[in-house]
Amino acid sequence: MSAPASRPGRLVRSPVVLRDGQWWLVSGAGSVLATDPTFTSMLDGFAQAMAAADQAVADVRARQSEPPASAAGGQR
């Protein structure tokens, strides 16, 4: 029921929050602990996929901010 690769917090654009290794459904009326193992394993997978996507975006941005490689042979 925990997401070891995820950091605590709300999944983007969702009413789901990971607190102390447990998934909670949160609304203005209150919070409910998610206990269904199939549902929580899906949340774990989604959180891991989101973390991987965030890392991929960060990698692309880091590459874009690197100076371009100089052309072999110099300028013409």
PDB file of N, CA and C in Angstrom:
ATOM      1  N   MET A   1       0.808  -1.196   0.000  1.00  0.00           N
ATOM      2  CA  MET A   1       0.000   0.000   0.000  1.00  0.00           C
ATOM      3  C   MET A   1       0.849   1.257   0.000  1.00  0.00           C
ATOM      4  N   SER A   2       2.151   1.124  -0.070  1.00  0.00           N
ATOM      5  CA  SER A   2       3.002   2.298  -0.084  1.00  0.00           C
ATOM      6  C   SER A   2       3.660   2.442  -1.442  1.00  0.00           C
ATOM      7  N   ALA A   3       4.131   3.631  -1.713  1.00  0.00           N
ATOM      8  CA  ALA A   3       4.814   3.897  -2.968  1.00  0.00           C
ATOM      9  C   ALA A   3       6.258   4.261  -2.656  1.00  0.00           C
ATOM     10  N   PRO A   4       7.159   3.293  -2.621  1.00  0.00           N
ATOM     11  CA  PRO A   4       8.516   3.565  -2.213  1.00  0.00           C
ATOM     12  C   PRO A   4       9.251   4.560  -3.097  1.00  0.00           C
ATOM     13  N   ALA A   5       8.921   4.623  -4.389  1.00  0.00           N
ATOM     14  CA  ALA A   5       9.619   5.543  -5.279  1.00  0.00           C
ATOM     15  C   ALA A   5       8.983   6.925  -5.287  1.00  0.00           C
ATOM     16  N   SER A   6       7.891   7.099  -4.598  1.00  0.00           N
ATOM     17  CA  SER A   6       7.188   8.374  -4.615  1.00  0.00           C
ATOM     18  C   SER A   6       7.509   9.181  -3.381  1.00  0.00           C
ATOM     19  N   ARG A   7       7.491  10.466  -3.560  1.00  0.00           N
ATOM     20  CA  ARG A   7       7.656  11.311  -2.386  1.00  0.00           C
ATOM     21  C   ARG A   7       6.271  11.712  -1.895  1.00  0.00           C
ATOM     22  N   PRO A   8       6.165  12.014  -0.609  1.00  0.00           N
ATOM     23  CA  PRO A   8       4.843  12.366  -0.069  1.00  0.00           C
ATOM     24  C   PRO A   8       4.256  13.578  -0.796  1.00  0.00           C
ATOM     25  N   GLY A   9       2.956  13.600  -0.902  1.00  0.00           N
ATOM     26  CA  GLY A   9       2.283  14.737  -1.501  1.00  0.00           C
ATOM     27  C   GLY A   9       1.157  14.315  -2.410  1.00  0.00           C
ATOM     28  N   ARG A  10       0.525  15.306  -2.965  1.00  0.00           N
ATOM     29  CA  ARG A  10      -0.634  15.093  -3.835  1.00  0.00           C
ATOM     30  C   ARG A  10      -0.173  14.733  -5.234  1.00  0.00           C
ATOM     31  N   LEU A  11      -0.856  13.776  -5.828  1.00  0.00           N
ATOM     32  CA  LEU A  11      -0.619  13.509  -7.240  1.00  0.00           C
ATOM     33  C   LEU A  11      -1.229  14.659  -8.024  1.00  0.00           C
ATOM     34  N   VAL A  12      -0.519  15.095  -9.027  1.00  0.00           N
ATOM     35  CA  VAL A  12      -0.943  16.248  -9.810  1.00  0.00           C
ATOM     36  C   VAL A  12      -2.346  16.056 -10.364  1.00  0.00           C
ATOM     37  N   ARG A  13      -3.178  17.079 -10.228  1.00  0.00           N
ATOM     38  CA  ARG A  13      -4.560  17.095 -10.737  1.00  0.00           C
ATOM     39  C   ARG A  13      -5.377  15.906 -10.265  1.00  0.00           C
ATOM     40  N   SER A  14      -5.203  15.521  -9.010  1.00  0.00           N
ATOM     41  CA  SER A  14      -5.997  14.418  -8.483  1.00  0.00           C
ATOM     42  C   SER A  14      -6.343  14.676  -7.022  1.00  0.00           C
ATOM     43  N   PRO A  15      -7.357  14.010  -6.517  1.00  0.00           N
ATOM     44  CA  PRO A  15      -7.732  14.146  -5.110  1.00  0.00           C
ATOM     45  C   PRO A  15      -7.039  13.097  -4.235  1.00  0.00           C
ATOM     46  N   VAL A  16      -5.845  12.644  -4.674  1.00  0.00           N
ATOM     47  CA  VAL A  16      -5.138  11.568  -3.980  1.00  0.00           C
ATOM     48  C   VAL A  16      -3.848  12.106  -3.383  1.00  0.00           C
ATOM     49  N   VAL A  17      -3.601  11.742  -2.115  1.00  0.00           N
ATOM     50  CA  VAL A  17      -2.418  12.209  -1.407  1.00  0.00           C
ATOM     51  C   VAL A  17      -1.726  11.008  -0.764  1.00  0.00           C
ATOM     52  N   LEU A  18      -0.402  11.000  -0.831  1.00  0.00           N
ATOM     53  CA  LEU A  18       0.389   9.973  -0.159  1.00  0.00           C
ATOM     54  C   LEU A  18       0.928  10.571   1.138  1.00  0.00           C
ATOM     55  N   ARG A  19       0.521   9.996   2.258  1.00  0.00           N
ATOM     56  CA  ARG A  19       0.977  10.450   3.574  1.00  0.00           C
ATOM     57  C   ARG A  19       1.484   9.250   4.354  1.00  0.00           C
ATOM     58  N   ASP A  20       2.730   9.332   4.813  1.00  0.00           N
ATOM     59  CA  ASP A  20       3.307   8.263   5.630  1.00  0.00           C
ATOM     60  C   ASP A  20       3.137   6.891   4.981  1.00  0.00           C
ATOM     61  N   GLY A  21       3.324   6.824   3.673  1.00  0.00           N
ATOM     62  CA  GLY A  21       3.247   5.559   2.958  1.00  0.00           C
ATOM     63  C   GLY A  21       1.850   5.039   2.711  1.00  0.00           C
ATOM     64  N   GLN A  22       0.833   5.839   2.992  1.00  0.00           N
ATOM     65  CA  GLN A  22      -0.557   5.421   2.762  1.00  0.00           C
ATOM     66  C   GLN A  22      -1.246   6.418   1.845  1.00  0.00           C
ATOM     67  N   TRP A  23      -2.066   5.887   0.953  1.00  0.00           N
ATOM     68  CA  TRP A  23      -2.822   6.719   0.025  1.00  0.00           C
ATOM     69  C   TRP A  23      -4.129   7.159   0.672  1.00  0.00           C
ATOM     70  N   TRP A  24      -4.454   8.430   0.500  1.00  0.00           N
ATOM     71  CA  TRP A  24      -5.689   9.018   1.014  1.00  0.00           C
ATOM     72  C   TRP A  24      -6.426   9.698  -0.118  1.00  0.00           C
ATOM     73  N   LEU A  25      -7.735   9.558  -0.135  1.00  0.00           N
ATOM     74  CA  LEU A  25      -8.602  10.305  -1.038  1.00  0.00           C
ATOM     75  C   LEU A  25      -9.070  11.518  -0.261  1.00  0.00           C
ATOM     76  N   VAL A  26      -8.861  12.694  -0.830  1.00  0.00           N
ATOM     77  CA  VAL A  26      -9.105  13.935  -0.102  1.00  0.00           C
ATOM     78  C   VAL A  26     -10.146  14.778  -0.836  1.00  0.00           C
ATOM     79  N   SER A  27     -11.082  15.333  -0.070  1.00  0.00           N
ATOM     80  CA  SER A  27     -12.068  16.255  -0.628  1.00  0.00           C
ATOM     81  C   SER A  27     -12.329  17.343   0.406  1.00  0.00           C
ATOM     82  N   GLY A  28     -13.154  18.284   0.044  1.00  0.00           N
ATOM     83  CA  GLY A  28     -13.508  19.338   0.977  1.00  0.00           C
ATOM     84  C   GLY A  28     -14.267  18.817   2.189  1.00  0.00           C
ATOM     85  N   ALA A  29     -14.891  17.659   2.063  1.00  0.00           N
ATOM     86  CA  ALA A  29     -15.667  17.075   3.156  1.00  0.00           C
ATOM     87  C   ALA A  29     -14.796  16.250   4.106  1.00  0.00           C
ATOM     88  N   GLY A  30     -13.564  15.926   3.695  1.00  0.00           N
ATOM     89  CA  GLY A  30     -12.693  15.139   4.559  1.00  0.00           C
ATOM     90  C   GLY A  30     -11.809  14.202   3.766  1.00  0.00           C
ATOM     91  N   SER A  31     -11.161  13.280   4.467  1.00  0.00           N
ATOM     92  CA  SER A  31     -10.231  12.334   3.855  1.00  0.00           C
ATOM     93  C   SER A  31     -10.646  10.901   4.168  1.00  0.00           C
ATOM     94  N   VAL A  32     -10.368   9.998   3.225  1.00  0.00           N
ATOM     95  CA  VAL A  32     -10.661   8.579   3.402  1.00  0.00           C
ATOM     96  C   VAL A  32      -9.401   7.805   3.026  1.00  0.00           C
ATOM     97  N   LEU A  33      -8.991   6.895   3.895  1.00  0.00           N
ATOM     98  CA  LEU A  33      -7.839   6.049   3.624  1.00  0.00           C
ATOM     99  C   LEU A  33      -8.187   5.057   2.521  1.00  0.00           C
ATOM    100  N   ALA A  34      -7.336   4.969   1.509  1.00  0.00           N
ATOM    101  CA  ALA A  34      -7.529   3.983   0.440  1.00  0.00           C
ATOM    102  C   ALA A  34      -6.913   2.670   0.909  1.00  0.00           C
ATOM    103  N   THR A  35      -7.727   1.626   0.997  1.00  0.00           N
ATOM    104  CA  THR A  35      -7.252   0.353   1.517  1.00  0.00           C
ATOM    105  C   THR A  35      -7.297  -0.781   0.509  1.00  0.00           C
ATOM    106  N   ASP A  36      -7.934  -0.590  -0.625  1.00  0.00           N
ATOM    107  CA  ASP A  36      -8.027  -1.644  -1.626  1.00  0.00           C
ATOM    108  C   ASP A  36      -6.650  -1.863  -2.261  1.00  0.00           C
ATOM    109  N   PRO A  37      -6.087  -3.073  -2.141  1.00  0.00           N
ATOM    110  CA  PRO A  37      -4.734  -3.307  -2.648  1.00  0.00           C
ATOM    111  C   PRO A  37      -4.593  -3.123  -4.162  1.00  0.00           C
ATOM    112  N   THR A  38      -5.613  -3.440  -4.922  1.00  0.00           N
ATOM    113  CA  THR A  38      -5.547  -3.247  -6.371  1.00  0.00           C
ATOM    114  C   THR A  38      -5.493  -1.763  -6.696  1.00  0.00           C
ATOM    115  N   PHE A  39      -6.343  -0.987  -6.041  1.00  0.00           N
ATOM    116  CA  PHE A  39      -6.381   0.456  -6.264  1.00  0.00           C
ATOM    117  C   PHE A  39      -5.073   1.113  -5.833  1.00  0.00           C
ATOM    118  N   THR A  40      -4.579   0.753  -4.657  1.00  0.00           N
ATOM    119  CA  THR A  40      -3.347   1.391  -4.170  1.00  0.00           C
ATOM    120  C   THR A  40      -2.135   0.981  -5.002  1.00  0.00           C
ATOM    121  N   SER A  41      -2.124  -0.246  -5.535  1.00  0.00           N
ATOM    122  CA  SER A  41      -1.004  -0.631  -6.400  1.00  0.00           C
ATOM    123  C   SER A  41      -1.054   0.157  -7.710  1.00  0.00           C
ATOM    124  N   MET A  42      -2.250   0.452  -8.191  1.00  0.00           N
ATOM    125  CA  MET A  42      -2.379   1.295  -9.381  1.00  0.00           C
ATOM    126  C   MET A  42      -1.881   2.711  -9.083  1.00  0.00           C
ATOM    127  N   LEU A  43      -2.207   3.222  -7.905  1.00  0.00           N
ATOM    128  CA  LEU A  43      -1.710   4.543  -7.511  1.00  0.00           C
ATOM    129  C   LEU A  43      -0.186   4.534  -7.408  1.00  0.00           C
ATOM    130  N   ASP A  44       0.383   3.465  -6.859  1.00  0.00           N
ATOM    131  CA  ASP A  44       1.840   3.335  -6.782  1.00  0.00           C
ATOM    132  C   ASP A  44       2.456   3.407  -8.178  1.00  0.00           C
ATOM    133  N   GLY A  45       1.885   2.643  -9.105  1.00  0.00           N
ATOM    134  CA  GLY A  45       2.394   2.632 -10.474  1.00  0.00           C
ATOM    135  C   GLY A  45       2.269   3.985 -11.141  1.00  0.00           C
ATOM    136  N   PHE A  46       1.140   4.647 -10.920  1.00  0.00           N
ATOM    137  CA  PHE A  46       0.940   5.966 -11.505  1.00  0.00           C
ATOM    138  C   PHE A  46       1.937   6.962 -10.927  1.00  0.00           C
ATOM    139  N   ALA A  47       2.155   6.911  -9.615  1.00  0.00           N
ATOM    140  CA  ALA A  47       3.116   7.822  -8.971  1.00  0.00           C
ATOM    141  C   ALA A  47       4.528   7.583  -9.503  1.00  0.00           C
ATOM    142  N   GLN A  48       4.886   6.314  -9.711  1.00  0.00           N
ATOM    143  CA  GLN A  48       6.209   6.003 -10.262  1.00  0.00           C
ATOM    144  C   GLN A  48       6.339   6.503 -11.701  1.00  0.00           C
ATOM    145  N   ALA A  49       5.283   6.357 -12.478  1.00  0.00           N
ATOM    146  CA  ALA A  49       5.302   6.841 -13.862  1.00  0.00           C
ATOM    147  C   ALA A  49       5.411   8.362 -13.894  1.00  0.00           C
ATOM    148  N   MET A  50       4.711   9.035 -13.000  1.00  0.00           N
ATOM    149  CA  MET A  50       4.803  10.498 -12.929  1.00  0.00           C
ATOM    150  C   MET A  50       6.211  10.942 -12.540  1.00  0.00           C
ATOM    151  N   ALA A  51       6.823  10.239 -11.586  1.00  0.00           N
ATOM    152  CA  ALA A  51       8.186  10.570 -11.172  1.00  0.00           C
ATOM    153  C   ALA A  51       9.160  10.366 -12.328  1.00  0.00           C
ATOM    154  N   ALA A  52       8.985   9.281 -13.091  1.00  0.00           N
ATOM    155  CA  ALA A  52       9.846   9.031 -14.248  1.00  0.00           C
ATOM    156  C   ALA A  52       9.656  10.104 -15.316  1.00  0.00           C
ATOM    157  N   ALA A  53       8.418  10.514 -15.540  1.00  0.00           N
ATOM    158  CA  ALA A  53       8.143  11.572 -16.518  1.00  0.00           C
ATOM    159  C   ALA A  53       8.752  12.891 -16.068  1.00  0.00           C
ATOM    160  N   ASP A  54       8.618  13.215 -14.788  1.00  0.00           N
ATOM    161  CA  ASP A  54       9.230  14.440 -14.258  1.00  0.00           C
ATOM    162  C   ASP A  54      10.739  14.419 -14.458  1.00  0.00           C
ATOM    163  N   GLN A  55      11.362  13.259 -14.218  1.00  0.00           N
ATOM    164  CA  GLN A  55      12.811  13.138 -14.393  1.00  0.00           C
ATOM    165  C   GLN A  55      13.195  13.288 -15.856  1.00  0.00           C
ATOM    166  N   ALA A  56      12.410  12.704 -16.752  1.00  0.00           N
ATOM    167  CA  ALA A  56      12.690  12.817 -18.185  1.00  0.00           C
ATOM    168  C   ALA A  56      12.606  14.267 -18.641  1.00  0.00           C
ATOM    169  N   VAL A  57      11.614  14.995 -18.166  1.00  0.00           N
ATOM    170  CA  VAL A  57      11.482  16.416 -18.512  1.00  0.00           C
ATOM    171  C   VAL A  57      12.661  17.200 -17.966  1.00  0.00           C
ATOM    172  N   ALA A  58      13.067  16.921 -16.733  1.00  0.00           N
ATOM    173  CA  ALA A  58      14.221  17.612 -16.141  1.00  0.00           C
ATOM    174  C   ALA A  58      15.487  17.328 -16.945  1.00  0.00           C
ATOM    175  N   ASP A  59      15.654  16.091 -17.420  1.00  0.00           N
ATOM    176  CA  ASP A  59      16.821  15.735 -18.229  1.00  0.00           C
ATOM    177  C   ASP A  59      16.827  16.493 -19.553  1.00  0.00           C
ATOM    178  N   VAL A  60      15.664  16.586 -20.203  1.00  0.00           N
ATOM    179  CA  VAL A  60      15.569  17.318 -21.469  1.00  0.00           C
ATOM    180  C   VAL A  60      15.890  18.783 -21.244  1.00  0.00           C
ATOM    181  N   ARG A  61      15.345  19.371 -20.201  1.00  0.00           N
ATOM    182  CA  ARG A  61      15.622  20.787 -19.921  1.00  0.00           C
ATOM    183  C   ARG A  61      17.100  21.015 -19.624  1.00  0.00           C
ATOM    184  N   ALA A  62      17.730  20.084 -18.924  1.00  0.00           N
ATOM    185  CA  ALA A  62      19.160  20.220 -18.624  1.00  0.00           C
ATOM    186  C   ALA A  62      19.974  20.160 -19.914  1.00  0.00           C
ATOM    187  N   ARG A  63      19.602  19.246 -20.823  1.00  0.00           N
ATOM    188  CA  ARG A  63      20.318  19.158 -22.101  1.00  0.00           C
ATOM    189  C   ARG A  63      20.118  20.416 -22.936  1.00  0.00           C
ATOM    190  N   GLN A  64      18.919  20.993 -22.880  1.00  0.00           N
ATOM    191  CA  GLN A  64      18.645  22.193 -23.672  1.00  0.00           C
ATOM    192  C   GLN A  64      19.431  23.388 -23.153  1.00  0.00           C
ATOM    193  N   SER A  65      19.759  23.389 -21.872  1.00  0.00           N
ATOM    194  CA  SER A  65      20.476  24.529 -21.312  1.00  0.00           C
ATOM    195  C   SER A  65      21.991  24.401 -21.469  1.00  0.00           C
ATOM    196  N   GLU A  66      22.471  23.247 -21.955  1.00  0.00           N
ATOM    197  CA  GLU A  66      23.899  23.072 -22.197  1.00  0.00           C
ATOM    198  C   GLU A  66      24.290  23.837 -23.450  1.00  0.00           C
ATOM    199  N   PRO A  67      25.526  24.345 -23.473  1.00  0.00           N
ATOM    200  CA  PRO A  67      25.970  25.038 -24.697  1.00  0.00           C
ATOM    201  C   PRO A  67      26.096  24.026 -25.840  1.00  0.00           C
ATOM    202  N   PRO A  68      25.824  24.466 -27.057  1.00  0.00           N
ATOM    203  CA  PRO A  68      25.914  23.539 -28.195  1.00  0.00           C
ATOM    204  C   PRO A  68      27.363  23.088 -28.398  1.00  0.00           C
ATOM    205  N   ALA A  69      27.515  21.866 -28.890  1.00  0.00           N
ATOM    206  CA  ALA A  69      28.849  21.335 -29.172  1.00  0.00           C
ATOM    207  C   ALA A  69      29.436  22.093 -30.348  1.00  0.00           C
ATOM    208  N   SER A  70      30.720  22.385 -30.265  1.00  0.00           N
ATOM    209  CA  SER A  70      31.349  23.128 -31.370  1.00  0.00           C
ATOM    210  C   SER A  70      31.512  22.207 -32.570  1.00  0.00           C
ATOM    211  N   ALA A  71      31.377  22.769 -33.749  1.00  0.00           N
ATOM    212  CA  ALA A  71      31.490  21.994 -34.968  1.00  0.00           C
ATOM    213  C   ALA A  71      32.952  21.628 -35.199  1.00  0.00           C
ATOM    214  N   ALA A  72      33.194  20.416 -35.616  1.00  0.00           N
ATOM    215  CA  ALA A  72      34.562  19.979 -35.908  1.00  0.00           C
ATOM    216  C   ALA A  72      35.092  20.736 -37.106  1.00  0.00           C
ATOM    217  N   GLY A  73      36.347  21.170 -37.034  1.00  0.00           N
ATOM    218  CA  GLY A  73      36.951  21.867 -38.169  1.00  0.00           C
ATOM    219  C   GLY A  73      36.788  23.374 -38.103  1.00  0.00           C
ATOM    220  N   GLY A  74      36.097  23.884 -37.120  1.00  0.00           N
ATOM    221  CA  GLY A  74      35.979  25.336 -36.971  1.00  0.00           C
ATOM    222  C   GLY A  74      34.981  25.960 -37.916  1.00  0.00           C
ATOM    223  N   GLN A  75      35.016  27.303 -37.977  1.00  0.00           N
ATOM    224  CA  GLN A  75      34.071  28.049 -38.824  1.00  0.00           C
ATOM    225  C   GLN A  75      34.562  28.147 -40.253  1.00  0.00           C
ATOM    226  N   ARG A  76      33.638  28.332 -41.152  1.00  0.00           N
ATOM    227  CA  ARG A  76      34.009  28.489 -42.568  1.00  0.00           C
ATOM    228  C   ARG A  76      33.627  29.838 -43.041  1.00  0.00           C
TER     229      ARG A  76
END
